[in-house]
Amino acid sequence: MPIVFSEHAKRQLERRKISQKLAKNVVINPDEINSSFRDRKLRSKKIRGRLIEIVTKTEGSKITIITGYFIKE
């Protein structure tokens, strides 16, 4: 299943210092997946003691990364 990045995701991930490689890793191997609005999924994973969440939307066989961010616990 191909994974692509929206332009918004590219800007936000760079601003938040989250690599595209890390974002893809969370999408492929999340600890948890939760449903969100507009058929989006929240994929989260704890990495190096920090929780990261990647917002995705599946369209056919393609997963689009909408944005990503670290969650303050």
C-alpha atoms as a PDB file:
ATOM      1  CA  MET A   1       0.000   0.000   0.000  1.00  0.00           C
ATOM      2  CA  PRO A   2       1.687   3.266  -1.073  1.00  0.00           C
ATOM      3  CA  ILE A   3       2.143   5.994   1.536  1.00  0.00           C
ATOM      4  CA  VAL A   4       2.177   9.625   0.356  1.00  0.00           C
ATOM      5  CA  PHE A   5       2.498  12.943   2.180  1.00  0.00           C
ATOM      6  CA  SER A   6       0.161  15.895   1.760  1.00  0.00           C
ATOM      7  CA  GLU A   7       1.888  19.249   1.281  1.00  0.00           C
ATOM      8  CA  HIS A   8       0.550  20.271   4.701  1.00  0.00           C
ATOM      9  CA  ALA A   9       2.127  17.171   6.271  1.00  0.00           C
ATOM     10  CA  LYS A  10       5.497  17.881   4.656  1.00  0.00           C
ATOM     11  CA  ARG A  11       5.545  21.417   6.093  1.00  0.00           C
ATOM     12  CA  GLN A  12       4.283  20.434   9.543  1.00  0.00           C
ATOM     13  CA  LEU A  13       6.598  17.436   9.941  1.00  0.00           C
ATOM     14  CA  GLU A  14       9.608  19.564   8.982  1.00  0.00           C
ATOM     15  CA  ARG A  15       8.546  22.331  11.372  1.00  0.00           C
ATOM     16  CA  ARG A  16       8.051  19.802  14.171  1.00  0.00           C
ATOM     17  CA  LYS A  17      11.336  18.036  13.394  1.00  0.00           C
ATOM     18  CA  ILE A  18       9.697  14.704  12.563  1.00  0.00           C
ATOM     19  CA  SER A  19      11.365  12.852   9.695  1.00  0.00           C
ATOM     20  CA  GLN A  20       9.317  11.350   6.891  1.00  0.00           C
ATOM     21  CA  LYS A  21      10.995   8.028   7.671  1.00  0.00           C
ATOM     22  CA  LEU A  22       9.735   8.175  11.279  1.00  0.00           C
ATOM     23  CA  ALA A  23       6.229   9.148  10.138  1.00  0.00           C
ATOM     24  CA  LYS A  24       6.111   6.194   7.729  1.00  0.00           C
ATOM     25  CA  ASN A  25       7.338   3.873  10.491  1.00  0.00           C
ATOM     26  CA  VAL A  26       4.422   4.949  12.708  1.00  0.00           C
ATOM     27  CA  VAL A  27       1.952   4.396   9.847  1.00  0.00           C
ATOM     28  CA  ILE A  28       3.327   0.936   9.041  1.00  0.00           C
ATOM     29  CA  ASN A  29       3.837  -0.250  12.622  1.00  0.00           C
ATOM     30  CA  PRO A  30       1.626   1.734  15.048  1.00  0.00           C
ATOM     31  CA  ASP A  31       1.065   0.777  18.682  1.00  0.00           C
ATOM     32  CA  GLU A  32      -2.539   1.937  18.360  1.00  0.00           C
ATOM     33  CA  ILE A  33      -4.998   3.059  15.655  1.00  0.00           C
ATOM     34  CA  ASN A  34      -8.067   5.140  16.497  1.00  0.00           C
ATOM     35  CA  SER A  35     -10.807   6.457  14.227  1.00  0.00           C
ATOM     36  CA  SER A  36     -11.190  10.193  13.776  1.00  0.00           C
ATOM     37  CA  PHE A  37     -13.524  12.522  11.866  1.00  0.00           C
ATOM     38  CA  ARG A  38     -13.894  12.439   8.065  1.00  0.00           C
ATOM     39  CA  ASP A  39     -12.744   8.791   7.888  1.00  0.00           C
ATOM     40  CA  ARG A  40      -9.289   9.667   9.169  1.00  0.00           C
ATOM     41  CA  LYS A  41      -7.167   7.436  11.387  1.00  0.00           C
ATOM     42  CA  LEU A  42      -4.948   8.478  14.270  1.00  0.00           C
ATOM     43  CA  ARG A  43      -1.930   6.164  14.355  1.00  0.00           C
ATOM     44  CA  SER A  44       0.194   6.474  17.470  1.00  0.00           C
ATOM     45  CA  LYS A  45       3.445   4.984  18.701  1.00  0.00           C
ATOM     46  CA  LYS A  46       5.689   5.536  21.696  1.00  0.00           C
ATOM     47  CA  ILE A  47       9.253   6.186  20.523  1.00  0.00           C
ATOM     48  CA  ARG A  48      12.151   6.995  22.855  1.00  0.00           C
ATOM     49  CA  GLY A  49       9.712   7.826  25.637  1.00  0.00           C
ATOM     50  CA  ARG A  50       7.630  10.215  23.515  1.00  0.00           C
ATOM     51  CA  LEU A  51       4.217   9.583  21.996  1.00  0.00           C
ATOM     52  CA  ILE A  52       3.911  10.505  18.323  1.00  0.00           C
ATOM     53  CA  GLU A  53       0.611  10.640  16.458  1.00  0.00           C
ATOM     54  CA  ILE A  54       0.261  10.563  12.666  1.00  0.00           C
ATOM     55  CA  VAL A  55      -3.084  11.468  11.067  1.00  0.00           C
ATOM     56  CA  THR A  56      -3.871   9.518   7.886  1.00  0.00           C
ATOM     57  CA  LYS A  57      -6.625   9.069   5.336  1.00  0.00           C
ATOM     58  CA  THR A  58      -6.963   5.934   3.217  1.00  0.00           C
ATOM     59  CA  GLU A  59      -8.151   6.396  -0.364  1.00  0.00           C
ATOM     60  CA  GLY A  60      -8.384   3.119  -2.263  1.00  0.00           C
ATOM     61  CA  SER A  61      -5.009   1.467  -1.871  1.00  0.00           C
ATOM     62  CA  LYS A  62      -3.191   4.712  -0.949  1.00  0.00           C
ATOM     63  CA  ILE A  63      -2.532   6.061   2.549  1.00  0.00           C
ATOM     64  CA  THR A  64      -2.108   9.837   2.720  1.00  0.00           C
ATOM     65  CA  ILE A  65      -0.364  11.333   5.724  1.00  0.00           C
ATOM     66  CA  ILE A  66      -2.273  14.496   6.674  1.00  0.00           C
ATOM     67  CA  THR A  67      -0.099  15.673   9.603  1.00  0.00           C
ATOM     68  CA  GLY A  68       1.911  14.432  12.549  1.00  0.00           C
ATOM     69  CA  TYR A  69       2.860  15.676  15.998  1.00  0.00           C
ATOM     70  CA  PHE A  70       4.218  14.667  19.380  1.00  0.00           C
ATOM     71  CA  ILE A  71       1.708  14.384  22.223  1.00  0.00           C
ATOM     72  CA  LYS A  72       2.675  15.974  25.537  1.00  0.00           C
ATOM     73  CA  GLU A  73       1.904  13.529  28.308  1.00  0.00           C
END
